[in-house]
Amino acid sequence: MANVGIMGAGSWGTALALLLHKNDHKVTVWSISEEEVEMLSTRREHVSKLPGVPIPEDMVFTSDLEGAVKDRDFLVMAVPSPFTRNTARSMSPYIPTGQIIVDVAKGIEEDTLMTLSQQIEQEIPQADVAVLSGPSHAEEVGRGIPTSVVIGAKSKKTAEYLQSMFMNEVFRVYTSPDILGMELGGSLKNVIALAAGIADGLGYGDNTKAALITRGIAEIARLGVKAGGALESFTGLTGIGDLIVTCASVHSRNRRAGYLIGQGMSMQEAMDEVKMVVEGVYSTKAAVKMGKKYGVSTPIIEEVNKILFEGKNPGEAVKDLMLRDSKPEISTLTWKE
């Protein structure tokens, strides 16, 4: 049995806390919100984010950061991406050398273009930072619906240790050394999911969504490989797998926000309506900057950015995507004639 600290009591942090508890680990969940801690401790249910899912009586909730992180076998970083750096900075004084921290959120910092694990490593250089990613909505993991994910770590030992901690009959865990590729796939897919939601909001059909998913993963893979990720990560669970579920699922906050924008809401109005952090909004500007930095064409990402931050009409954005210069689908293939 491991002694685990979960940083963040949102839907994903709570779902993983339930999973780890089911695996017979001792779990303490930290939240910065005293109100959230009180609600979870007394109601034994995350009323707004995982309604109907009971929380065991022996799962501890606290707003004491030091108490939550000290003397843990491993820590799970489940705070929303905009708060990862500051939370890691606050944790750092209590973290011993070699402490395993597995980040489960997804995002890219706009100013630095750093992934979340890179931010954690910068703020807690003494830690052994890993990531967990894949097609895994909290609403389904919290209810024990079969799910497969990937653990990425610098060492095989850490990856296999975490694999053994999380894996059970409804949660299959693979391992990978490609932390960067995993994180880029997990972050960039949120931007494409916004586009898929916008298309749904405009009333387009399955043909449109299939095109966005297919061309979207091509865009993600081009940029991700140029930035240093492995192509295999973008063709697996942390790439196309995560993209499919985020573009199609009713649980996807990115798709939901995109849908509302397609229906005529502004970006801020859509975020307010979703009532959760829409990670894709925070990653879009960073993704555009990455494309320019690495000289990679990212037409879908660029149109999403224009819709979100420049007030472009979504219908016009789709039209501009469709009427771009004609080109072959796969530029590396050549004609035999």
C-alpha atoms as a PDB file:
ATOM      1  CA  MET A   1       0.000   0.000   0.000  1.00  0.00           C
ATOM      2  CA  ALA A   2       1.296   3.454  -0.947  1.00  0.00           C
ATOM      3  CA  ASN A   3       0.710   6.746   0.835  1.00  0.00           C
ATOM      4  CA  VAL A   4      -0.446   9.154  -1.882  1.00  0.00           C
ATOM      5  CA  GLY A   5      -1.071  12.895  -1.961  1.00  0.00           C
ATOM      6  CA  ILE A   6      -3.366  14.317  -4.653  1.00  0.00           C
ATOM      7  CA  MET A   7      -2.925  18.006  -5.454  1.00  0.00           C
ATOM      8  CA  GLY A   8      -6.278  19.236  -6.724  1.00  0.00           C
ATOM      9  CA  ALA A   9      -9.820  18.153  -5.834  1.00  0.00           C
ATOM     10  CA  GLY A  10     -11.499  18.798  -9.167  1.00  0.00           C
ATOM     11  CA  SER A  11     -13.160  16.093 -11.227  1.00  0.00           C
ATOM     12  CA  TRP A  12      -9.884  14.502 -12.385  1.00  0.00           C
ATOM     13  CA  GLY A  13      -8.119  14.683  -9.027  1.00  0.00           C
ATOM     14  CA  THR A  14     -11.158  13.181  -7.304  1.00  0.00           C
ATOM     15  CA  ALA A  15     -11.568  10.432  -9.924  1.00  0.00           C
ATOM     16  CA  LEU A  16      -7.916   9.398  -9.587  1.00  0.00           C
ATOM     17  CA  ALA A  17      -8.179   9.539  -5.804  1.00  0.00           C
ATOM     18  CA  LEU A  18     -11.087   7.074  -6.030  1.00  0.00           C
ATOM     19  CA  LEU A  19      -9.095   4.846  -8.388  1.00  0.00           C
ATOM     20  CA  LEU A  20      -6.042   4.790  -6.121  1.00  0.00           C
ATOM     21  CA  HIS A  21      -8.196   4.168  -3.062  1.00  0.00           C
ATOM     22  CA  LYS A  22      -9.779   1.216  -4.860  1.00  0.00           C
ATOM     23  CA  ASN A  23      -6.217  -0.085  -5.365  1.00  0.00           C
ATOM     24  CA  ASP A  24      -5.829  -0.119  -1.542  1.00  0.00           C
ATOM     25  CA  HIS A  25      -3.650   2.989  -1.291  1.00  0.00           C
ATOM     26  CA  LYS A  26      -3.969   5.582   1.463  1.00  0.00           C
ATOM     27  CA  VAL A  27      -5.127   8.791  -0.213  1.00  0.00           C
ATOM     28  CA  THR A  28      -5.070  12.427   0.933  1.00  0.00           C
ATOM     29  CA  VAL A  29      -6.540  15.060  -1.391  1.00  0.00           C
ATOM     30  CA  TRP A  30      -5.536  18.727  -1.194  1.00  0.00           C
ATOM     31  CA  SER A  31      -7.573  21.691  -2.399  1.00  0.00           C
ATOM     32  CA  ILE A  32      -6.789  25.376  -2.077  1.00  0.00           C
ATOM     33  CA  SER A  33     -10.507  25.956  -1.464  1.00  0.00           C
ATOM     34  CA  GLU A  34     -11.666  25.538   2.131  1.00  0.00           C
ATOM     35  CA  GLU A  35     -15.233  25.420   0.840  1.00  0.00           C
ATOM     36  CA  GLU A  36     -14.431  22.509  -1.486  1.00  0.00           C
ATOM     37  CA  VAL A  37     -12.656  20.620   1.307  1.00  0.00           C
ATOM     38  CA  GLU A  38     -15.656  21.098   3.591  1.00  0.00           C
ATOM     39  CA  MET A  39     -18.097  19.945   0.901  1.00  0.00           C
ATOM     40  CA  LEU A  40     -16.089  16.819   0.072  1.00  0.00           C
ATOM     41  CA  SER A  41     -15.459  15.966   3.719  1.00  0.00           C
ATOM     42  CA  THR A  42     -19.091  16.270   4.779  1.00  0.00           C
ATOM     43  CA  ARG A  43     -21.099  15.334   1.689  1.00  0.00           C
ATOM     44  CA  ARG A  44     -18.690  12.532   0.628  1.00  0.00           C
ATOM     45  CA  GLU A  45     -19.505  13.372  -2.976  1.00  0.00           C
ATOM     46  CA  HIS A  46     -18.203  15.937  -5.469  1.00  0.00           C
ATOM     47  CA  VAL A  47     -21.641  17.410  -5.972  1.00  0.00           C
ATOM     48  CA  SER A  48     -20.883  19.595  -8.984  1.00  0.00           C
ATOM     49  CA  LYS A  49     -18.243  17.566 -10.837  1.00  0.00           C
ATOM     50  CA  LEU A  50     -18.823  13.880 -10.047  1.00  0.00           C
ATOM     51  CA  PRO A  51     -22.439  13.764  -8.845  1.00  0.00           C
ATOM     52  CA  GLY A  52     -23.693  10.397  -7.707  1.00  0.00           C
ATOM     53  CA  VAL A  53     -20.201   8.949  -7.118  1.00  0.00           C
ATOM     54  CA  PRO A  54     -19.722   8.149  -3.400  1.00  0.00           C
ATOM     55  CA  ILE A  55     -16.431   9.003  -1.699  1.00  0.00           C
ATOM     56  CA  PRO A  56     -15.113   6.525   0.922  1.00  0.00           C
ATOM     57  CA  GLU A  57     -15.150   7.706   4.528  1.00  0.00           C
ATOM     58  CA  ASP A  58     -11.426   7.061   5.004  1.00  0.00           C
ATOM     59  CA  MET A  59     -10.342   9.355   2.148  1.00  0.00           C
ATOM     60  CA  VAL A  60      -8.908  12.543   3.657  1.00  0.00           C
ATOM     61  CA  PHE A  61      -9.424  16.066   2.284  1.00  0.00           C
ATOM     62  CA  THR A  62      -7.348  19.032   3.421  1.00  0.00           C
ATOM     63  CA  SER A  63      -6.318  22.587   2.559  1.00  0.00           C
ATOM     64  CA  ASP A  64      -3.009  22.159   4.437  1.00  0.00           C
ATOM     65  CA  LEU A  65      -0.462  21.965   1.608  1.00  0.00           C
ATOM     66  CA  GLU A  66       2.489  20.919   3.774  1.00  0.00           C
ATOM     67  CA  GLY A  67       0.488  18.151   5.411  1.00  0.00           C
ATOM     68  CA  ALA A  68      -0.735  16.915   2.043  1.00  0.00           C
ATOM     69  CA  VAL A  69       2.696  16.594   0.423  1.00  0.00           C
ATOM     70  CA  LYS A  70       5.017  15.488   3.233  1.00  0.00           C
ATOM     71  CA  ASP A  71       5.950  11.826   3.693  1.00  0.00           C
ATOM     72  CA  ARG A  72       4.170  10.573   0.572  1.00  0.00           C
ATOM     73  CA  ASP A  73       5.312   7.704  -1.631  1.00  0.00           C
ATOM     74  CA  PHE A  74       4.229   9.692  -4.661  1.00  0.00           C
ATOM     75  CA  LEU A  75       2.236  12.826  -5.434  1.00  0.00           C
ATOM     76  CA  VAL A  76      -0.346  13.402  -8.163  1.00  0.00           C
ATOM     77  CA  MET A  77      -0.460  16.934  -9.595  1.00  0.00           C
ATOM     78  CA  ALA A  78      -4.065  17.439 -10.706  1.00  0.00           C
ATOM     79  CA  VAL A  79      -4.509  21.210 -10.518  1.00  0.00           C
ATOM     80  CA  PRO A  80      -5.665  22.989 -13.722  1.00  0.00           C
ATOM     81  CA  SER A  81      -2.795  23.925 -16.024  1.00  0.00           C
ATOM     82  CA  PRO A  82      -2.875  27.712 -15.357  1.00  0.00           C
ATOM     83  CA  PHE A  83      -2.161  27.012 -11.673  1.00  0.00           C
ATOM     84  CA  THR A  84       0.495  24.310 -12.043  1.00  0.00           C
ATOM     85  CA  ARG A  85       3.558  26.518 -11.753  1.00  0.00           C
ATOM     86  CA  ASN A  86       2.402  28.441  -8.687  1.00  0.00           C
ATOM     87  CA  THR A  87       1.244  25.279  -6.930  1.00  0.00           C
ATOM     88  CA  ALA A  88       4.567  23.576  -7.637  1.00  0.00           C
ATOM     89  CA  ARG A  89       6.427  26.611  -6.303  1.00  0.00           C
ATOM     90  CA  SER A  90       4.420  26.480  -3.092  1.00  0.00           C
ATOM     91  CA  MET A  91       5.062  22.747  -2.720  1.00  0.00           C
ATOM     92  CA  SER A  92       8.812  22.902  -3.337  1.00  0.00           C
ATOM     93  CA  PRO A  93       9.989  23.613   0.247  1.00  0.00           C
ATOM     94  CA  TYR A  94       8.345  20.393   1.449  1.00  0.00           C
ATOM     95  CA  ILE A  95       9.573  18.092  -1.347  1.00  0.00           C
ATOM     96  CA  PRO A  96      12.552  15.788  -0.662  1.00  0.00           C
ATOM     97  CA  THR A  97      15.088  14.781  -3.294  1.00  0.00           C
ATOM     98  CA  GLY A  98      13.770  12.022  -5.542  1.00  0.00           C
ATOM     99  CA  GLN A  99      10.104  12.570  -4.695  1.00  0.00           C
ATOM    100  CA  ILE A 100       7.941  11.138  -7.485  1.00  0.00           C
ATOM    101  CA  ILE A 101       5.362  13.606  -8.811  1.00  0.00           C
ATOM    102  CA  VAL A 102       3.051  12.492 -11.618  1.00  0.00           C
ATOM    103  CA  ASP A 103       1.343  15.319 -13.475  1.00  0.00           C
ATOM    104  CA  VAL A 104      -2.091  14.489 -14.885  1.00  0.00           C
ATOM    105  CA  ALA A 105      -3.166  17.893 -16.258  1.00  0.00           C
ATOM    106  CA  LYS A 106      -2.457  19.103 -19.810  1.00  0.00           C
ATOM    107  CA  GLY A 107      -1.237  22.431 -21.067  1.00  0.00           C
ATOM    108  CA  ILE A 108       1.533  24.607 -22.489  1.00  0.00           C
ATOM    109  CA  GLU A 109       2.670  27.849 -20.855  1.00  0.00           C
ATOM    110  CA  GLU A 110       2.183  30.719 -23.295  1.00  0.00           C
ATOM    111  CA  ASP A 111       5.186  32.841 -22.312  1.00  0.00           C
ATOM    112  CA  THR A 112       7.784  30.066 -22.052  1.00  0.00           C
ATOM    113  CA  LEU A 113       6.222  27.311 -24.238  1.00  0.00           C
ATOM    114  CA  MET A 114       7.045  24.889 -21.417  1.00  0.00           C
ATOM    115  CA  THR A 115       4.923  21.815 -20.779  1.00  0.00           C
ATOM    116  CA  LEU A 116       3.542  21.216 -17.305  1.00  0.00           C
ATOM    117  CA  SER A 117       6.207  18.675 -16.333  1.00  0.00           C
ATOM    118  CA  GLN A 118       8.891  21.150 -17.405  1.00  0.00           C
ATOM    119  CA  GLN A 119       7.311  23.817 -15.229  1.00  0.00           C
ATOM    120  CA  ILE A 120       7.192  21.446 -12.259  1.00  0.00           C
ATOM    121  CA  GLU A 121      10.837  20.471 -12.810  1.00  0.00           C
ATOM    122  CA  GLN A 122      11.838  24.133 -12.917  1.00  0.00           C
ATOM    123  CA  GLU A 123      10.044  24.874  -9.643  1.00  0.00           C
ATOM    124  CA  ILE A 124      10.903  21.551  -7.914  1.00  0.00           C
ATOM    125  CA  PRO A 125      14.257  20.497  -9.434  1.00  0.00           C
ATOM    126  CA  GLN A 126      14.758  17.839  -6.753  1.00  0.00           C
ATOM    127  CA  ALA A 127      11.656  15.884  -7.872  1.00  0.00           C
ATOM    128  CA  ASP A 128      11.331  12.897 -10.196  1.00  0.00           C
ATOM    129  CA  VAL A 129       8.541  14.154 -12.483  1.00  0.00           C
ATOM    130  CA  ALA A 130       6.369  11.826 -14.551  1.00  0.00           C
ATOM    131  CA  VAL A 131       3.119  12.276 -16.511  1.00  0.00           C
ATOM    132  CA  LEU A 132      -0.122  10.352 -17.000  1.00  0.00           C
ATOM    133  CA  SER A 133      -2.078  10.946 -20.198  1.00  0.00           C
ATOM    134  CA  GLY A 134      -4.546   9.329 -22.587  1.00  0.00           C
ATOM    135  CA  PRO A 135      -8.274   9.216 -23.411  1.00  0.00           C
ATOM    136  CA  SER A 136      -9.603   9.343 -19.857  1.00  0.00           C
ATOM    137  CA  HIS A 137     -12.541  11.534 -18.900  1.00  0.00           C
ATOM    138  CA  ALA A 138     -12.902  11.843 -15.137  1.00  0.00           C
ATOM    139  CA  GLU A 139     -16.634  11.230 -15.322  1.00  0.00           C
ATOM    140  CA  GLU A 140     -15.975   7.697 -16.623  1.00  0.00           C
ATOM    141  CA  VAL A 141     -12.858   6.862 -14.595  1.00  0.00           C
ATOM    142  CA  GLY A 142     -14.701   7.890 -11.425  1.00  0.00           C
ATOM    143  CA  ARG A 143     -17.411   5.349 -12.256  1.00  0.00           C
ATOM    144  CA  GLY A 144     -15.008   2.512 -13.067  1.00  0.00           C
ATOM    145  CA  ILE A 145     -15.588   2.438 -16.820  1.00  0.00           C
ATOM    146  CA  PRO A 146     -12.706   0.614 -18.615  1.00  0.00           C
ATOM    147  CA  THR A 147      -9.990   3.073 -19.631  1.00  0.00           C
ATOM    148  CA  SER A 148      -6.432   2.891 -20.995  1.00  0.00           C
ATOM    149  CA  VAL A 149      -3.723   5.492 -20.396  1.00  0.00           C
ATOM    150  CA  VAL A 150       0.047   5.916 -20.578  1.00  0.00           C
ATOM    151  CA  ILE A 151       2.578   6.766 -17.856  1.00  0.00           C
ATOM    152  CA  GLY A 152       5.594   8.699 -19.124  1.00  0.00           C
ATOM    153  CA  ALA A 153       8.775   8.938 -17.050  1.00  0.00           C
ATOM    154  CA  LYS A 154      12.490   9.513 -17.481  1.00  0.00           C
ATOM    155  CA  SER A 155      13.364   6.136 -16.002  1.00  0.00           C
ATOM    156  CA  LYS A 156      11.820   2.748 -16.669  1.00  0.00           C
ATOM    157  CA  LYS A 157      11.874   2.090 -12.926  1.00  0.00           C
ATOM    158  CA  THR A 158       9.661   5.090 -12.142  1.00  0.00           C
ATOM    159  CA  ALA A 159       7.311   4.346 -15.031  1.00  0.00           C
ATOM    160  CA  GLU A 160       6.824   0.721 -14.000  1.00  0.00           C
ATOM    161  CA  TYR A 161       6.372   1.682 -10.333  1.00  0.00           C
ATOM    162  CA  LEU A 162       3.585   4.117 -11.208  1.00  0.00           C
ATOM    163  CA  GLN A 163       2.104   1.609 -13.650  1.00  0.00           C
ATOM    164  CA  SER A 164       1.759  -0.862 -10.771  1.00  0.00           C
ATOM    165  CA  MET A 165       0.197   1.803  -8.523  1.00  0.00           C
ATOM    166  CA  PHE A 166      -2.548   2.865 -10.949  1.00  0.00           C
ATOM    167  CA  MET A 167      -3.323  -0.268 -12.957  1.00  0.00           C
ATOM    168  CA  ASN A 168      -6.323  -2.473 -12.206  1.00  0.00           C
ATOM    169  CA  GLU A 169      -9.071  -4.405 -14.004  1.00  0.00           C
ATOM    170  CA  VAL A 170     -10.736  -1.232 -15.326  1.00  0.00           C
ATOM    171  CA  PHE A 171      -7.696   1.032 -15.707  1.00  0.00           C
ATOM    172  CA  ARG A 172      -5.020  -0.311 -18.039  1.00  0.00           C
ATOM    173  CA  VAL A 173      -1.686   1.540 -17.941  1.00  0.00           C
ATOM    174  CA  TYR A 174       1.080   1.474 -20.550  1.00  0.00           C
ATOM    175  CA  THR A 175       4.516   3.078 -20.165  1.00  0.00           C
ATOM    176  CA  SER A 176       6.601   5.374 -22.370  1.00  0.00           C
ATOM    177  CA  PRO A 177       9.880   7.295 -22.175  1.00  0.00           C
ATOM    178  CA  ASP A 178       8.500  10.066 -24.424  1.00  0.00           C
ATOM    179  CA  ILE A 179       7.224  12.548 -21.834  1.00  0.00           C
ATOM    180  CA  LEU A 180       7.442  15.490 -24.246  1.00  0.00           C
ATOM    181  CA  GLY A 181       5.478  13.811 -27.033  1.00  0.00           C
ATOM    182  CA  MET A 182       2.804  12.687 -24.593  1.00  0.00           C
ATOM    183  CA  GLU A 183       2.376  16.168 -23.159  1.00  0.00           C
ATOM    184  CA  LEU A 184       2.300  17.894 -26.529  1.00  0.00           C
ATOM    185  CA  GLY A 185      -0.327  15.457 -27.796  1.00  0.00           C
ATOM    186  CA  GLY A 186      -2.427  15.964 -24.675  1.00  0.00           C
ATOM    187  CA  SER A 187      -2.200  19.756 -24.853  1.00  0.00           C
ATOM    188  CA  LEU A 188      -2.620  20.347 -28.578  1.00  0.00           C
ATOM    189  CA  LYS A 189      -5.600  18.006 -28.914  1.00  0.00           C
ATOM    190  CA  ASN A 190      -7.594  20.388 -26.715  1.00  0.00           C
ATOM    191  CA  VAL A 191      -7.240  23.100 -29.361  1.00  0.00           C
ATOM    192  CA  ILE A 192      -8.500  20.754 -32.093  1.00  0.00           C
ATOM    193  CA  ALA A 193     -11.382  19.731 -29.798  1.00  0.00           C
ATOM    194  CA  LEU A 194     -12.417  23.371 -29.598  1.00  0.00           C
ATOM    195  CA  ALA A 195     -12.538  23.372 -33.408  1.00  0.00           C
ATOM    196  CA  ALA A 196     -14.626  20.188 -33.408  1.00  0.00           C
ATOM    197  CA  GLY A 197     -17.043  21.729 -30.933  1.00  0.00           C
ATOM    198  CA  ILE A 198     -17.305  24.894 -33.006  1.00  0.00           C
ATOM    199  CA  ALA A 199     -18.176  22.771 -36.048  1.00  0.00           C
ATOM    200  CA  ASP A 200     -20.889  21.010 -34.019  1.00  0.00           C
ATOM    201  CA  GLY A 201     -22.223  24.360 -32.858  1.00  0.00           C
ATOM    202  CA  LEU A 202     -22.410  25.544 -36.456  1.00  0.00           C
ATOM    203  CA  GLY A 203     -24.546  22.523 -37.285  1.00  0.00           C
ATOM    204  CA  TYR A 204     -21.988  20.647 -39.375  1.00  0.00           C
ATOM    205  CA  GLY A 205     -21.933  16.858 -39.485  1.00  0.00           C
ATOM    206  CA  ASP A 206     -19.811  13.759 -39.123  1.00  0.00           C
ATOM    207  CA  ASN A 207     -17.876  14.445 -42.324  1.00  0.00           C
ATOM    208  CA  THR A 208     -16.652  17.743 -40.896  1.00  0.00           C
ATOM    209  CA  LYS A 209     -15.662  16.235 -37.558  1.00  0.00           C
ATOM    210  CA  ALA A 210     -13.811  13.345 -39.230  1.00  0.00           C
ATOM    211  CA  ALA A 211     -11.875  15.840 -41.336  1.00  0.00           C
ATOM    212  CA  LEU A 212     -10.995  17.950 -38.282  1.00  0.00           C
ATOM    213  CA  ILE A 213      -9.828  14.915 -36.291  1.00  0.00           C
ATOM    214  CA  THR A 214      -7.748  13.533 -39.167  1.00  0.00           C
ATOM    215  CA  ARG A 215      -6.180  16.799 -40.278  1.00  0.00           C
ATOM    216  CA  GLY A 216      -5.910  17.823 -36.642  1.00  0.00           C
ATOM    217  CA  ILE A 217      -3.723  14.863 -35.692  1.00  0.00           C
ATOM    218  CA  ALA A 218      -1.591  15.525 -38.771  1.00  0.00           C
ATOM    219  CA  GLU A 219      -1.106  19.083 -37.531  1.00  0.00           C
ATOM    220  CA  ILE A 220      -0.356  17.938 -33.981  1.00  0.00           C
ATOM    221  CA  ALA A 221       2.128  15.292 -35.159  1.00  0.00           C
ATOM    222  CA  ARG A 222       3.971  17.686 -37.488  1.00  0.00           C
ATOM    223  CA  LEU A 223       4.412  20.211 -34.722  1.00  0.00           C
ATOM    224  CA  GLY A 224       5.053  17.656 -31.983  1.00  0.00           C
ATOM    225  CA  VAL A 225       7.775  15.803 -33.879  1.00  0.00           C
ATOM    226  CA  LYS A 226       9.490  19.061 -34.855  1.00  0.00           C
ATOM    227  CA  ALA A 227       9.439  20.100 -31.191  1.00  0.00           C
ATOM    228  CA  GLY A 228      11.119  16.835 -30.159  1.00  0.00           C
ATOM    229  CA  GLY A 229       8.334  14.327 -29.533  1.00  0.00           C
ATOM    230  CA  ALA A 230       8.228  10.813 -30.988  1.00  0.00           C
ATOM    231  CA  LEU A 231       5.810  10.149 -33.854  1.00  0.00           C
ATOM    232  CA  GLU A 232       4.569   6.994 -32.111  1.00  0.00           C
ATOM    233  CA  SER A 233       3.162   9.071 -29.246  1.00  0.00           C
ATOM    234  CA  PHE A 234       0.894  10.930 -31.658  1.00  0.00           C
ATOM    235  CA  THR A 235      -0.411   7.741 -33.300  1.00  0.00           C
ATOM    236  CA  GLY A 236      -1.187   6.096 -29.952  1.00  0.00           C
ATOM    237  CA  LEU A 237      -3.327   6.677 -26.870  1.00  0.00           C
ATOM    238  CA  THR A 238      -1.779  10.043 -25.985  1.00  0.00           C
ATOM    239  CA  GLY A 239      -2.266  11.376 -29.517  1.00  0.00           C
ATOM    240  CA  ILE A 240      -5.070  10.157 -31.744  1.00  0.00           C
ATOM    241  CA  GLY A 241      -6.736   8.290 -28.864  1.00  0.00           C
ATOM    242  CA  ASP A 242      -7.004  11.363 -26.671  1.00  0.00           C
ATOM    243  CA  LEU A 243      -7.988  13.521 -29.657  1.00  0.00           C
ATOM    244  CA  ILE A 244     -10.899  11.246 -30.616  1.00  0.00           C
ATOM    245  CA  VAL A 245     -12.431  11.185 -27.148  1.00  0.00           C
ATOM    246  CA  THR A 246     -12.009  14.925 -26.600  1.00  0.00           C
ATOM    247  CA  CYS A 247     -13.549  15.831 -29.954  1.00  0.00           C
ATOM    248  CA  ALA A 248     -16.511  13.475 -29.597  1.00  0.00           C
ATOM    249  CA  SER A 249     -17.413  13.071 -25.931  1.00  0.00           C
ATOM    250  CA  VAL A 250     -20.283  14.745 -24.114  1.00  0.00           C
ATOM    251  CA  HIS A 251     -17.894  14.984 -21.147  1.00  0.00           C
ATOM    252  CA  SER A 252     -15.363  17.140 -23.048  1.00  0.00           C
ATOM    253  CA  ARG A 253     -15.247  20.676 -21.678  1.00  0.00           C
ATOM    254  CA  ASN A 254     -13.207  21.787 -24.716  1.00  0.00           C
ATOM    255  CA  ARG A 255     -15.753  20.432 -27.173  1.00  0.00           C
ATOM    256  CA  ARG A 256     -18.566  21.939 -25.076  1.00  0.00           C
ATOM    257  CA  ALA A 257     -16.926  25.377 -25.040  1.00  0.00           C
ATOM    258  CA  GLY A 258     -16.347  25.149 -28.796  1.00  0.00           C
ATOM    259  CA  TYR A 259     -19.985  24.188 -29.335  1.00  0.00           C
ATOM    260  CA  LEU A 260     -21.176  27.261 -27.455  1.00  0.00           C
ATOM    261  CA  ILE A 261     -18.830  29.475 -29.474  1.00  0.00           C
ATOM    262  CA  GLY A 262     -20.190  27.945 -32.671  1.00  0.00           C
ATOM    263  CA  GLN A 263     -23.660  28.790 -31.378  1.00  0.00           C
ATOM    264  CA  GLY A 264     -22.683  32.449 -31.074  1.00  0.00           C
ATOM    265  CA  MET A 265     -21.171  32.903 -27.607  1.00  0.00           C
ATOM    266  CA  SER A 266     -17.901  34.715 -27.046  1.00  0.00           C
ATOM    267  CA  MET A 267     -14.934  32.796 -25.692  1.00  0.00           C
ATOM    268  CA  GLN A 268     -15.463  34.241 -22.193  1.00  0.00           C
ATOM    269  CA  GLU A 269     -19.195  33.552 -22.241  1.00  0.00           C
ATOM    270  CA  ALA A 270     -18.520  29.938 -23.231  1.00  0.00           C
ATOM    271  CA  MET A 271     -15.947  29.468 -20.465  1.00  0.00           C
ATOM    272  CA  ASP A 272     -18.344  30.940 -17.911  1.00  0.00           C
ATOM    273  CA  GLU A 273     -21.082  28.566 -19.076  1.00  0.00           C
ATOM    274  CA  VAL A 274     -18.856  25.466 -18.898  1.00  0.00           C
ATOM    275  CA  LYS A 275     -17.896  26.396 -15.309  1.00  0.00           C
ATOM    276  CA  MET A 276     -14.591  24.498 -15.489  1.00  0.00           C
ATOM    277  CA  VAL A 277     -11.133  25.385 -16.779  1.00  0.00           C
ATOM    278  CA  VAL A 278     -11.147  24.967 -20.567  1.00  0.00           C
ATOM    279  CA  GLU A 279      -7.526  23.924 -21.085  1.00  0.00           C
ATOM    280  CA  GLY A 280      -7.597  24.398 -24.869  1.00  0.00           C
ATOM    281  CA  VAL A 281      -8.194  28.124 -24.538  1.00  0.00           C
ATOM    282  CA  TYR A 282      -4.984  28.485 -22.528  1.00  0.00           C
ATOM    283  CA  SER A 283      -2.987  26.306 -24.951  1.00  0.00           C
ATOM    284  CA  THR A 284      -4.100  27.939 -28.204  1.00  0.00           C
ATOM    285  CA  LYS A 285      -1.847  31.004 -28.137  1.00  0.00           C
ATOM    286  CA  ALA A 286       1.092  28.843 -27.069  1.00  0.00           C
ATOM    287  CA  ALA A 287       0.402  26.411 -29.919  1.00  0.00           C
ATOM    288  CA  VAL A 288       0.417  29.257 -32.474  1.00  0.00           C
ATOM    289  CA  LYS A 289       3.726  30.474 -31.067  1.00  0.00           C
ATOM    290  CA  MET A 290       5.165  26.957 -31.244  1.00  0.00           C
ATOM    291  CA  GLY A 291       4.137  26.645 -34.880  1.00  0.00           C
ATOM    292  CA  LYS A 292       5.951  29.856 -35.718  1.00  0.00           C
ATOM    293  CA  LYS A 293       8.985  28.893 -33.634  1.00  0.00           C
ATOM    294  CA  TYR A 294       9.426  25.558 -35.419  1.00  0.00           C
ATOM    295  CA  GLY A 295       8.263  26.692 -38.845  1.00  0.00           C
ATOM    296  CA  VAL A 296       5.315  24.271 -38.922  1.00  0.00           C
ATOM    297  CA  SER A 297       2.023  24.936 -40.693  1.00  0.00           C
ATOM    298  CA  THR A 298      -0.893  24.849 -38.188  1.00  0.00           C
ATOM    299  CA  PRO A 299      -3.948  26.135 -40.096  1.00  0.00           C
ATOM    300  CA  ILE A 300      -6.624  24.686 -37.785  1.00  0.00           C
ATOM    301  CA  ILE A 301      -4.884  25.933 -34.645  1.00  0.00           C
ATOM    302  CA  GLU A 302      -4.407  29.371 -36.204  1.00  0.00           C
ATOM    303  CA  GLU A 303      -8.092  29.659 -37.134  1.00  0.00           C
ATOM    304  CA  VAL A 304      -9.142  28.642 -33.605  1.00  0.00           C
ATOM    305  CA  ASN A 305      -6.840  31.357 -32.258  1.00  0.00           C
ATOM    306  CA  LYS A 306      -8.483  33.939 -34.536  1.00  0.00           C
ATOM    307  CA  ILE A 307     -11.953  32.899 -33.376  1.00  0.00           C
ATOM    308  CA  LEU A 308     -11.009  32.988 -29.685  1.00  0.00           C
ATOM    309  CA  PHE A 309      -8.870  36.100 -29.529  1.00  0.00           C
ATOM    310  CA  GLU A 310      -9.489  38.144 -32.682  1.00  0.00           C
ATOM    311  CA  GLY A 311     -13.255  37.881 -32.923  1.00  0.00           C
ATOM    312  CA  LYS A 312     -13.293  36.040 -36.241  1.00  0.00           C
ATOM    313  CA  ASN A 313     -16.636  34.622 -37.322  1.00  0.00           C
ATOM    314  CA  PRO A 314     -16.527  30.798 -36.938  1.00  0.00           C
ATOM    315  CA  GLY A 315     -18.279  30.227 -40.269  1.00  0.00           C
ATOM    316  CA  GLU A 316     -15.709  32.381 -42.045  1.00  0.00           C
ATOM    317  CA  ALA A 317     -12.899  30.461 -40.347  1.00  0.00           C
ATOM    318  CA  VAL A 318     -14.254  27.162 -41.694  1.00  0.00           C
ATOM    319  CA  LYS A 319     -14.616  28.671 -45.171  1.00  0.00           C
ATOM    320  CA  ASP A 320     -11.019  29.915 -45.095  1.00  0.00           C
ATOM    321  CA  LEU A 321      -9.795  26.460 -44.063  1.00  0.00           C
ATOM    322  CA  MET A 322     -11.686  24.817 -46.903  1.00  0.00           C
ATOM    323  CA  LEU A 323     -10.466  27.296 -49.534  1.00  0.00           C
ATOM    324  CA  ARG A 324      -6.759  27.175 -48.725  1.00  0.00           C
ATOM    325  CA  ASP A 325      -4.418  26.392 -51.607  1.00  0.00           C
ATOM    326  CA  SER A 326      -4.902  22.838 -52.900  1.00  0.00           C
ATOM    327  CA  LYS A 327      -2.209  20.315 -51.939  1.00  0.00           C
ATOM    328  CA  PRO A 328      -1.550  16.560 -51.654  1.00  0.00           C
ATOM    329  CA  GLU A 329      -2.673  14.873 -48.444  1.00  0.00           C
ATOM    330  CA  ILE A 330       0.732  13.301 -47.750  1.00  0.00           C
ATOM    331  CA  SER A 331       3.619  15.331 -49.134  1.00  0.00           C
ATOM    332  CA  THR A 332       6.177  12.532 -48.727  1.00  0.00           C
ATOM    333  CA  LEU A 333       4.397  10.239 -51.215  1.00  0.00           C
ATOM    334  CA  THR A 334       5.487  10.524 -54.842  1.00  0.00           C
ATOM    335  CA  TRP A 335       3.839   9.617 -58.166  1.00  0.00           C
ATOM    336  CA  LYS A 336       5.219   6.599 -60.043  1.00  0.00           C
ATOM    337  CA  GLU A 337       4.798   8.188 -63.487  1.00  0.00           C
END
